[in-house]
Amino acid sequence: TDGQEESIFPDGTIVRVQRDGSKTIEFNNGQREL
């Protein structure tokens, strides 16, 4: 409801999008992207 989004993919990758459009991606190999 606050505008944030979270997607969880079958391979375990998680993508979170904040209201300001910034995005965090957590990969199943331990890597992370902002």
PDB file of all heavy atoms in Angstrom:
ATOM      1  N   THR A   1       0.810  -1.219   0.000  1.00  0.00           N
ATOM      2  CA  THR A   1       0.000   0.000   0.000  1.00  0.00           C
ATOM      3  C   THR A   1       0.842   1.267   0.000  1.00  0.00           C
ATOM      4  O   THR A   1       0.378   2.316  -0.418  1.00  0.00           O
ATOM      5  CB  THR A   1      -0.950   0.020   1.212  1.00  0.00           C
ATOM      6  OG1 THR A   1      -0.179  -0.139   2.399  1.00  0.00           O
ATOM      7  CG2 THR A   1      -1.970  -1.101   1.120  1.00  0.00           C
ATOM      8  N   ASP A   2       2.100   1.191   0.463  1.00  0.00           N
ATOM      9  CA  ASP A   2       2.961   2.375   0.491  1.00  0.00           C
ATOM     10  C   ASP A   2       3.678   2.602  -0.839  1.00  0.00           C
ATOM     11  O   ASP A   2       4.532   3.467  -0.948  1.00  0.00           O
ATOM     12  CB  ASP A   2       3.968   2.284   1.639  1.00  0.00           C
ATOM     13  CG  ASP A   2       4.929   1.112   1.493  1.00  0.00           C
ATOM     14  OD1 ASP A   2       4.863   0.371   0.482  1.00  0.00           O
ATOM     15  OD2 ASP A   2       5.763   0.925   2.413  1.00  0.00           O
ATOM     16  N   GLY A   3       3.348   1.784  -1.863  1.00  0.00           N
ATOM     17  CA  GLY A   3       3.949   1.967  -3.183  1.00  0.00           C
ATOM     18  C   GLY A   3       5.150   1.078  -3.450  1.00  0.00           C
ATOM     19  O   GLY A   3       5.650   1.040  -4.567  1.00  0.00           O
ATOM     20  N   GLN A   4       5.633   0.359  -2.452  1.00  0.00           N
ATOM     21  CA  GLN A   4       6.762  -0.540  -2.665  1.00  0.00           C
ATOM     22  C   GLN A   4       6.292  -1.805  -3.368  1.00  0.00           C
ATOM     23  O   GLN A   4       5.140  -2.198  -3.256  1.00  0.00           O
ATOM     24  CB  GLN A   4       7.425  -0.909  -1.339  1.00  0.00           C
ATOM     25  CG  GLN A   4       8.064   0.279  -0.629  1.00  0.00           C
ATOM     26  CD  GLN A   4       8.756  -0.153   0.631  1.00  0.00           C
ATOM     27  OE1 GLN A   4       9.706  -0.925   0.585  1.00  0.00           O
ATOM     28  NE2 GLN A   4       8.273   0.323   1.771  1.00  0.00           N
ATOM     29  N   GLU A   5       7.232  -2.447  -4.084  1.00  0.00           N
ATOM     30  CA  GLU A   5       6.957  -3.709  -4.771  1.00  0.00           C
ATOM     31  C   GLU A   5       8.051  -4.707  -4.438  1.00  0.00           C
ATOM     32  O   GLU A   5       9.195  -4.322  -4.222  1.00  0.00           O
ATOM     33  CB  GLU A   5       6.953  -3.511  -6.294  1.00  0.00           C
ATOM     34  CG  GLU A   5       5.869  -2.617  -6.814  1.00  0.00           C
ATOM     35  CD  GLU A   5       5.930  -2.469  -8.334  1.00  0.00           C
ATOM     36  OE1 GLU A   5       6.655  -3.240  -9.000  1.00  0.00           O
ATOM     37  OE2 GLU A   5       5.245  -1.570  -8.852  1.00  0.00           O
ATOM     38  N   GLU A   6       7.674  -5.974  -4.434  1.00  0.00           N
ATOM     39  CA  GLU A   6       8.653  -7.041  -4.219  1.00  0.00           C
ATOM     40  C   GLU A   6       8.296  -8.185  -5.150  1.00  0.00           C
ATOM     41  O   GLU A   6       7.142  -8.606  -5.204  1.00  0.00           O
ATOM     42  CB  GLU A   6       8.600  -7.515  -2.768  1.00  0.00           C
ATOM     43  CG  GLU A   6       9.487  -8.711  -2.484  1.00  0.00           C
ATOM     44  CD  GLU A   6       9.298  -9.235  -1.066  1.00  0.00           C
ATOM     45  OE1 GLU A   6       8.234  -9.849  -0.809  1.00  0.00           O
ATOM     46  OE2 GLU A   6      10.195  -9.030  -0.248  1.00  0.00           O
ATOM     47  N   SER A   7       9.290  -8.676  -5.915  1.00  0.00           N
ATOM     48  CA  SER A   7       9.088  -9.827  -6.792  1.00  0.00           C
ATOM     49  C   SER A   7      10.042 -10.923  -6.359  1.00  0.00           C
ATOM     50  O   SER A   7      11.232 -10.677  -6.152  1.00  0.00           O
ATOM     51  CB  SER A   7       9.361  -9.464  -8.254  1.00  0.00           C
ATOM     52  OG  SER A   7       8.428  -8.495  -8.694  1.00  0.00           O
ATOM     53  N   ILE A   8       9.493 -12.132  -6.222  1.00  0.00           N
ATOM     54  CA  ILE A   8      10.301 -13.286  -5.850  1.00  0.00           C
ATOM     55  C   ILE A   8      10.222 -14.259  -7.019  1.00  0.00           C
ATOM     56  O   ILE A   8       9.149 -14.761  -7.355  1.00  0.00           O
ATOM     57  CB  ILE A   8       9.773 -13.939  -4.550  1.00  0.00           C
ATOM     58  CG1 ILE A   8       9.743 -12.895  -3.428  1.00  0.00           C
ATOM     59  CG2 ILE A   8      10.635 -15.137  -4.170  1.00  0.00           C
ATOM     60  CD1 ILE A   8       8.956 -13.319  -2.206  1.00  0.00           C
ATOM     61  N   PHE A   9      11.386 -14.516  -7.649  1.00  0.00           N
ATOM     62  CA  PHE A   9      11.427 -15.357  -8.839  1.00  0.00           C
ATOM     63  C   PHE A   9      11.681 -16.808  -8.455  1.00  0.00           C
ATOM     64  O   PHE A   9      12.247 -17.086  -7.387  1.00  0.00           O
ATOM     65  CB  PHE A   9      12.510 -14.832  -9.797  1.00  0.00           C
ATOM     66  CG  PHE A   9      12.172 -13.474 -10.351  1.00  0.00           C
ATOM     67  CD1 PHE A   9      12.576 -12.319  -9.695  1.00  0.00           C
ATOM     68  CD2 PHE A   9      11.420 -13.349 -11.508  1.00  0.00           C
ATOM     69  CE1 PHE A   9      12.249 -11.062 -10.181  1.00  0.00           C
ATOM     70  CE2 PHE A   9      11.083 -12.097 -12.003  1.00  0.00           C
ATOM     71  CZ  PHE A   9      11.502 -10.958 -11.345  1.00  0.00           C
ATOM     72  N   PRO A  10      11.298 -17.747  -9.324  1.00  0.00           N
ATOM     73  CA  PRO A  10      11.454 -19.175  -9.010  1.00  0.00           C
ATOM     74  C   PRO A  10      12.894 -19.583  -8.675  1.00  0.00           C
ATOM     75  O   PRO A  10      13.096 -20.514  -7.907  1.00  0.00           O
ATOM     76  CB  PRO A  10      10.976 -19.880 -10.281  1.00  0.00           C
ATOM     77  CG  PRO A  10      10.027 -18.912 -10.911  1.00  0.00           C
ATOM     78  CD  PRO A  10      10.584 -17.551 -10.593  1.00  0.00           C
ATOM     79  N   ASP A  11      13.893 -18.864  -9.232  1.00  0.00           N
ATOM     80  CA  ASP A  11      15.292 -19.220  -8.936  1.00  0.00           C
ATOM     81  C   ASP A  11      15.779 -18.654  -7.607  1.00  0.00           C
ATOM     82  O   ASP A  11      16.931 -18.834  -7.233  1.00  0.00           O
ATOM     83  CB  ASP A  11      16.219 -18.767 -10.065  1.00  0.00           C
ATOM     84  CG  ASP A  11      16.355 -17.248 -10.168  1.00  0.00           C
ATOM     85  OD1 ASP A  11      15.692 -16.510  -9.395  1.00  0.00           O
ATOM     86  OD2 ASP A  11      17.146 -16.794 -11.019  1.00  0.00           O
ATOM     87  N   GLY A  12      14.904 -17.952  -6.876  1.00  0.00           N
ATOM     88  CA  GLY A  12      15.273 -17.402  -5.570  1.00  0.00           C
ATOM     89  C   GLY A  12      15.676 -15.938  -5.613  1.00  0.00           C
ATOM     90  O   GLY A  12      15.879 -15.323  -4.564  1.00  0.00           O
ATOM     91  N   THR A  13      15.802 -15.362  -6.800  1.00  0.00           N
ATOM     92  CA  THR A  13      16.139 -13.944  -6.926  1.00  0.00           C
ATOM     93  C   THR A  13      14.977 -13.104  -6.384  1.00  0.00           C
ATOM     94  O   THR A  13      13.822 -13.406  -6.652  1.00  0.00           O
ATOM     95  CB  THR A  13      16.411 -13.568  -8.396  1.00  0.00           C
ATOM     96  OG1 THR A  13      17.499 -14.362  -8.875  1.00  0.00           O
ATOM     97  CG2 THR A  13      16.756 -12.094  -8.547  1.00  0.00           C
ATOM     98  N   ILE A  14      15.314 -12.061  -5.610  1.00  0.00           N
ATOM     99  CA  ILE A  14      14.297 -11.165  -5.050  1.00  0.00           C
ATOM    100  C   ILE A  14      14.593  -9.747  -5.535  1.00  0.00           C
ATOM    101  O   ILE A  14      15.716  -9.272  -5.406  1.00  0.00           O
ATOM    102  CB  ILE A  14      14.309 -11.201  -3.510  1.00  0.00           C
ATOM    103  CG1 ILE A  14      14.001 -12.617  -3.018  1.00  0.00           C
ATOM    104  CG2 ILE A  14      13.291 -10.209  -2.939  1.00  0.00           C
ATOM    105  CD1 ILE A  14      14.181 -12.805  -1.523  1.00  0.00           C
ATOM    106  N   VAL A  15      13.582  -9.087  -6.088  1.00  0.00           N
ATOM    107  CA  VAL A  15      13.718  -7.697  -6.545  1.00  0.00           C
ATOM    108  C   VAL A  15      12.748  -6.851  -5.726  1.00  0.00           C
ATOM    109  O   VAL A  15      11.561  -7.143  -5.668  1.00  0.00           O
ATOM    110  CB  VAL A  15      13.397  -7.554  -8.051  1.00  0.00           C
ATOM    111  CG1 VAL A  15      13.477  -6.095  -8.484  1.00  0.00           C
ATOM    112  CG2 VAL A  15      14.329  -8.420  -8.886  1.00  0.00           C
ATOM    113  N   ARG A  16      13.303  -5.809  -5.084  1.00  0.00           N
ATOM    114  CA  ARG A  16      12.470  -4.881  -4.317  1.00  0.00           C
ATOM    115  C   ARG A  16      12.581  -3.503  -4.945  1.00  0.00           C
ATOM    116  O   ARG A  16      13.681  -3.026  -5.186  1.00  0.00           O
ATOM    117  CB  ARG A  16      12.933  -4.839  -2.861  1.00  0.00           C
ATOM    118  CG  ARG A  16      12.660  -6.119  -2.118  1.00  0.00           C
ATOM    119  CD  ARG A  16      13.029  -6.020  -0.633  1.00  0.00           C
ATOM    120  NE  ARG A  16      12.772  -7.266   0.036  1.00  0.00           N
ATOM    121  CZ  ARG A  16      13.664  -8.237   0.199  1.00  0.00           C
ATOM    122  NH1 ARG A  16      14.874  -8.081  -0.247  1.00  0.00           N
ATOM    123  NH2 ARG A  16      13.321  -9.363   0.815  1.00  0.00           N
ATOM    124  N   VAL A  17      11.427  -2.864  -5.193  1.00  0.00           N
ATOM    125  CA  VAL A  17      11.398  -1.529  -5.782  1.00  0.00           C
ATOM    126  C   VAL A  17      10.767  -0.593  -4.758  1.00  0.00           C
ATOM    127  O   VAL A  17       9.667  -0.841  -4.275  1.00  0.00           O
ATOM    128  CB  VAL A  17      10.586  -1.507  -7.101  1.00  0.00           C
ATOM    129  CG1 VAL A  17      10.589  -0.109  -7.704  1.00  0.00           C
ATOM    130  CG2 VAL A  17      11.144  -2.527  -8.089  1.00  0.00           C
ATOM    131  N   GLN A  18      11.488   0.483  -4.435  1.00  0.00           N
ATOM    132  CA  GLN A  18      10.993   1.470  -3.476  1.00  0.00           C
ATOM    133  C   GLN A  18      10.135   2.502  -4.191  1.00  0.00           C
ATOM    134  O   GLN A  18      10.121   2.585  -5.418  1.00  0.00           O
ATOM    135  CB  GLN A  18      12.180   2.173  -2.778  1.00  0.00           C
ATOM    136  CG  GLN A  18      13.153   1.228  -2.098  1.00  0.00           C
ATOM    137  CD  GLN A  18      12.498   0.364  -1.044  1.00  0.00           C
ATOM    138  OE1 GLN A  18      11.696   0.833  -0.253  1.00  0.00           O
ATOM    139  NE2 GLN A  18      12.817  -0.922  -1.048  1.00  0.00           N
ATOM    140  N   ARG A  19       9.442   3.316  -3.425  1.00  0.00           N
ATOM    141  CA  ARG A  19       8.575   4.341  -4.014  1.00  0.00           C
ATOM    142  C   ARG A  19       9.349   5.317  -4.883  1.00  0.00           C
ATOM    143  O   ARG A  19       8.814   5.840  -5.866  1.00  0.00           O
ATOM    144  CB  ARG A  19       7.850   5.117  -2.912  1.00  0.00           C
ATOM    145  CG  ARG A  19       6.749   4.309  -2.301  1.00  0.00           C
ATOM    146  CD  ARG A  19       5.844   5.079  -1.384  1.00  0.00           C
ATOM    147  NE  ARG A  19       6.289   6.397  -1.019  1.00  0.00           N
ATOM    148  CZ  ARG A  19       5.999   6.992   0.104  1.00  0.00           C
ATOM    149  NH1 ARG A  19       5.253   6.386   0.993  1.00  0.00           N
ATOM    150  NH2 ARG A  19       6.426   8.197   0.373  1.00  0.00           N
ATOM    151  N   ASP A  20      10.609   5.610  -4.530  1.00  0.00           N
ATOM    152  CA  ASP A  20      11.411   6.561  -5.303  1.00  0.00           C
ATOM    153  C   ASP A  20      11.980   5.942  -6.580  1.00  0.00           C
ATOM    154  O   ASP A  20      12.695   6.599  -7.323  1.00  0.00           O
ATOM    155  CB  ASP A  20      12.541   7.136  -4.439  1.00  0.00           C
ATOM    156  CG  ASP A  20      13.572   6.094  -4.013  1.00  0.00           C
ATOM    157  OD1 ASP A  20      13.465   4.910  -4.411  1.00  0.00           O
ATOM    158  OD2 ASP A  20      14.505   6.478  -3.266  1.00  0.00           O
ATOM    159  N   GLY A  21      11.678   4.653  -6.824  1.00  0.00           N
ATOM    160  CA  GLY A  21      12.150   3.982  -8.040  1.00  0.00           C
ATOM    161  C   GLY A  21      13.448   3.238  -7.847  1.00  0.00           C
ATOM    162  O   GLY A  21      13.869   2.493  -8.732  1.00  0.00           O
ATOM    163  N   SER A  22      14.123   3.426  -6.696  1.00  0.00           N
ATOM    164  CA  SER A  22      15.360   2.679  -6.477  1.00  0.00           C
ATOM    165  C   SER A  22      15.015   1.200  -6.326  1.00  0.00           C
ATOM    166  O   SER A  22      13.926   0.835  -5.882  1.00  0.00           O
ATOM    167  CB  SER A  22      16.114   3.195  -5.253  1.00  0.00           C
ATOM    168  OG  SER A  22      15.359   3.014  -4.079  1.00  0.00           O
ATOM    169  N   LYS A  23      15.968   0.354  -6.742  1.00  0.00           N
ATOM    170  CA  LYS A  23      15.700  -1.072  -6.829  1.00  0.00           C
ATOM    171  C   LYS A  23      16.839  -1.847  -6.174  1.00  0.00           C
ATOM    172  O   LYS A  23      18.009  -1.513  -6.370  1.00  0.00           O
ATOM    173  CB  LYS A  23      15.595  -1.445  -8.304  1.00  0.00           C
ATOM    174  CG  LYS A  23      15.237  -2.868  -8.601  1.00  0.00           C
ATOM    175  CD  LYS A  23      15.293  -3.189 -10.093  1.00  0.00           C
ATOM    176  CE  LYS A  23      14.317  -2.385 -10.902  1.00  0.00           C
ATOM    177  NZ  LYS A  23      14.304  -2.799 -12.329  1.00  0.00           N
ATOM    178  N   THR A  24      16.491  -2.861  -5.388  1.00  0.00           N
ATOM    179  CA  THR A  24      17.474  -3.769  -4.805  1.00  0.00           C
ATOM    180  C   THR A  24      17.195  -5.158  -5.361  1.00  0.00           C
ATOM    181  O   THR A  24      16.056  -5.618  -5.353  1.00  0.00           O
ATOM    182  CB  THR A  24      17.351  -3.816  -3.267  1.00  0.00           C
ATOM    183  OG1 THR A  24      17.470  -2.489  -2.755  1.00  0.00           O
ATOM    184  CG2 THR A  24      18.422  -4.681  -2.650  1.00  0.00           C
ATOM    185  N   ILE A  25      18.254  -5.803  -5.860  1.00  0.00           N
ATOM    186  CA  ILE A  25      18.124  -7.160  -6.394  1.00  0.00           C
ATOM    187  C   ILE A  25      19.032  -8.067  -5.573  1.00  0.00           C
ATOM    188  O   ILE A  25      20.230  -7.801  -5.449  1.00  0.00           O
ATOM    189  CB  ILE A  25      18.537  -7.219  -7.880  1.00  0.00           C
ATOM    190  CG1 ILE A  25      17.736  -6.196  -8.689  1.00  0.00           C
ATOM    191  CG2 ILE A  25      18.363  -8.638  -8.427  1.00  0.00           C
ATOM    192  CD1 ILE A  25      18.261  -5.959 -10.087  1.00  0.00           C
ATOM    193  N   GLU A  26      18.454  -9.111  -4.997  1.00  0.00           N
ATOM    194  CA  GLU A  26      19.229 -10.093  -4.241  1.00  0.00           C
ATOM    195  C   GLU A  26      19.235 -11.379  -5.052  1.00  0.00           C
ATOM    196  O   GLU A  26      18.189 -11.981  -5.285  1.00  0.00           O
ATOM    197  CB  GLU A  26      18.610 -10.320  -2.862  1.00  0.00           C
ATOM    198  CG  GLU A  26      18.647  -9.084  -1.990  1.00  0.00           C
ATOM    199  CD  GLU A  26      17.915  -9.264  -0.664  1.00  0.00           C
ATOM    200  OE1 GLU A  26      17.574 -10.414  -0.309  1.00  0.00           O
ATOM    201  OE2 GLU A  26      17.684  -8.251   0.002  1.00  0.00           O
ATOM    202  N   PHE A  27      20.446 -11.786  -5.489  1.00  0.00           N
ATOM    203  CA  PHE A  27      20.572 -12.990  -6.310  1.00  0.00           C
ATOM    204  C   PHE A  27      20.790 -14.204  -5.415  1.00  0.00           C
ATOM    205  O   PHE A  27      21.298 -14.091  -4.296  1.00  0.00           O
ATOM    206  CB  PHE A  27      21.747 -12.835  -7.286  1.00  0.00           C
ATOM    207  CG  PHE A  27      21.539 -11.715  -8.269  1.00  0.00           C
ATOM    208  CD1 PHE A  27      22.069 -10.447  -8.019  1.00  0.00           C
ATOM    209  CD2 PHE A  27      20.821 -11.906  -9.437  1.00  0.00           C
ATOM    210  CE1 PHE A  27      21.879  -9.407  -8.911  1.00  0.00           C
ATOM    211  CE2 PHE A  27      20.627 -10.872 -10.332  1.00  0.00           C
ATOM    212  CZ  PHE A  27      21.161  -9.623 -10.072  1.00  0.00           C
ATOM    213  N   ASN A  28      20.457 -15.370  -5.934  1.00  0.00           N
ATOM    214  CA  ASN A  28      20.596 -16.588  -5.134  1.00  0.00           C
ATOM    215  C   ASN A  28      22.052 -17.014  -4.936  1.00  0.00           C
ATOM    216  O   ASN A  28      22.338 -17.889  -4.134  1.00  0.00           O
ATOM    217  CB  ASN A  28      19.770 -17.740  -5.738  1.00  0.00           C
ATOM    218  CG  ASN A  28      20.203 -18.095  -7.148  1.00  0.00           C
ATOM    219  OD1 ASN A  28      21.181 -17.559  -7.664  1.00  0.00           O
ATOM    220  ND2 ASN A  28      19.461 -18.985  -7.774  1.00  0.00           N
ATOM    221  N   ASN A  29      22.999 -16.367  -5.628  1.00  0.00           N
ATOM    222  CA  ASN A  29      24.418 -16.676  -5.453  1.00  0.00           C
ATOM    223  C   ASN A  29      25.086 -15.771  -4.408  1.00  0.00           C
ATOM    224  O   ASN A  29      26.300 -15.780  -4.253  1.00  0.00           O
ATOM    225  CB  ASN A  29      25.163 -16.573  -6.788  1.00  0.00           C
ATOM    226  CG  ASN A  29      25.129 -15.170  -7.385  1.00  0.00           C
ATOM    227  OD1 ASN A  29      24.617 -14.232  -6.771  1.00  0.00           O
ATOM    228  ND2 ASN A  29      25.671 -15.033  -8.585  1.00  0.00           N
ATOM    229  N   GLY A  30      24.270 -14.977  -3.708  1.00  0.00           N
ATOM    230  CA  GLY A  30      24.802 -14.106  -2.659  1.00  0.00           C
ATOM    231  C   GLY A  30      25.127 -12.702  -3.125  1.00  0.00           C
ATOM    232  O   GLY A  30      25.421 -11.831  -2.307  1.00  0.00           O
ATOM    233  N   GLN A  31      25.102 -12.469  -4.419  1.00  0.00           N
ATOM    234  CA  GLN A  31      25.358 -11.125  -4.922  1.00  0.00           C
ATOM    235  C   GLN A  31      24.118 -10.260  -4.733  1.00  0.00           C
ATOM    236  O   GLN A  31      23.009 -10.757  -4.636  1.00  0.00           O
ATOM    237  CB  GLN A  31      25.743 -11.159  -6.407  1.00  0.00           C
ATOM    238  CG  GLN A  31      27.056 -11.868  -6.659  1.00  0.00           C
ATOM    239  CD  GLN A  31      27.411 -11.864  -8.136  1.00  0.00           C
ATOM    240  OE1 GLN A  31      26.908 -11.073  -8.926  1.00  0.00           O
ATOM    241  NE2 GLN A  31      28.315 -12.772  -8.509  1.00  0.00           N
ATOM    242  N   ARG A  32      24.367  -8.949  -4.682  1.00  0.00           N
ATOM    243  CA  ARG A  32      23.298  -7.994  -4.452  1.00  0.00           C
ATOM    244  C   ARG A  32      23.534  -6.794  -5.355  1.00  0.00           C
ATOM    245  O   ARG A  32      24.672  -6.373  -5.533  1.00  0.00           O
ATOM    246  CB  ARG A  32      23.387  -7.581  -2.980  1.00  0.00           C
ATOM    247  CG  ARG A  32      22.157  -7.029  -2.407  1.00  0.00           C
ATOM    248  CD  ARG A  32      22.295  -6.958  -0.868  1.00  0.00           C
ATOM    249  NE  ARG A  32      21.231  -6.123  -0.393  1.00  0.00           N
ATOM    250  CZ  ARG A  32      21.381  -4.890   0.051  1.00  0.00           C
ATOM    251  NH1 ARG A  32      22.566  -4.368   0.169  1.00  0.00           N
ATOM    252  NH2 ARG A  32      20.341  -4.182   0.407  1.00  0.00           N
ATOM    253  N   GLU A  33      22.462  -6.249  -5.917  1.00  0.00           N
ATOM    254  CA  GLU A  33      22.574  -5.042  -6.739  1.00  0.00           C
ATOM    255  C   GLU A  33      21.647  -3.974  -6.205  1.00  0.00           C
ATOM    256  O   GLU A  33      20.566  -4.271  -5.724  1.00  0.00           O
ATOM    257  CB  GLU A  33      22.187  -5.334  -8.200  1.00  0.00           C
ATOM    258  CG  GLU A  33      23.357  -5.618  -9.073  1.00  0.00           C
ATOM    259  CD  GLU A  33      23.009  -5.720 -10.554  1.00  0.00           C
ATOM    260  OE1 GLU A  33      22.062  -5.040 -11.022  1.00  0.00           O
ATOM    261  OE2 GLU A  33      23.705  -6.469 -11.231  1.00  0.00           O
ATOM    262  N   LEU A  34      22.114  -2.731  -6.306  1.00  0.00           N
ATOM    263  CA  LEU A  34      21.307  -1.575  -5.932  1.00  0.00           C
ATOM    264  C   LEU A  34      21.291  -0.636  -7.127  1.00  0.00           C
ATOM    265  O   LEU A  34      22.351  -0.276  -7.643  1.00  0.00           O
ATOM    266  CB  LEU A  34      21.905  -0.881  -4.703  1.00  0.00           C
ATOM    267  CG  LEU A  34      21.220   0.390  -4.228  1.00  0.00           C
ATOM    268  CD1 LEU A  34      19.780   0.099  -3.805  1.00  0.00           C
ATOM    269  CD2 LEU A  34      21.980   1.005  -3.060  1.00  0.00           C
TER     270      LEU A  34
END
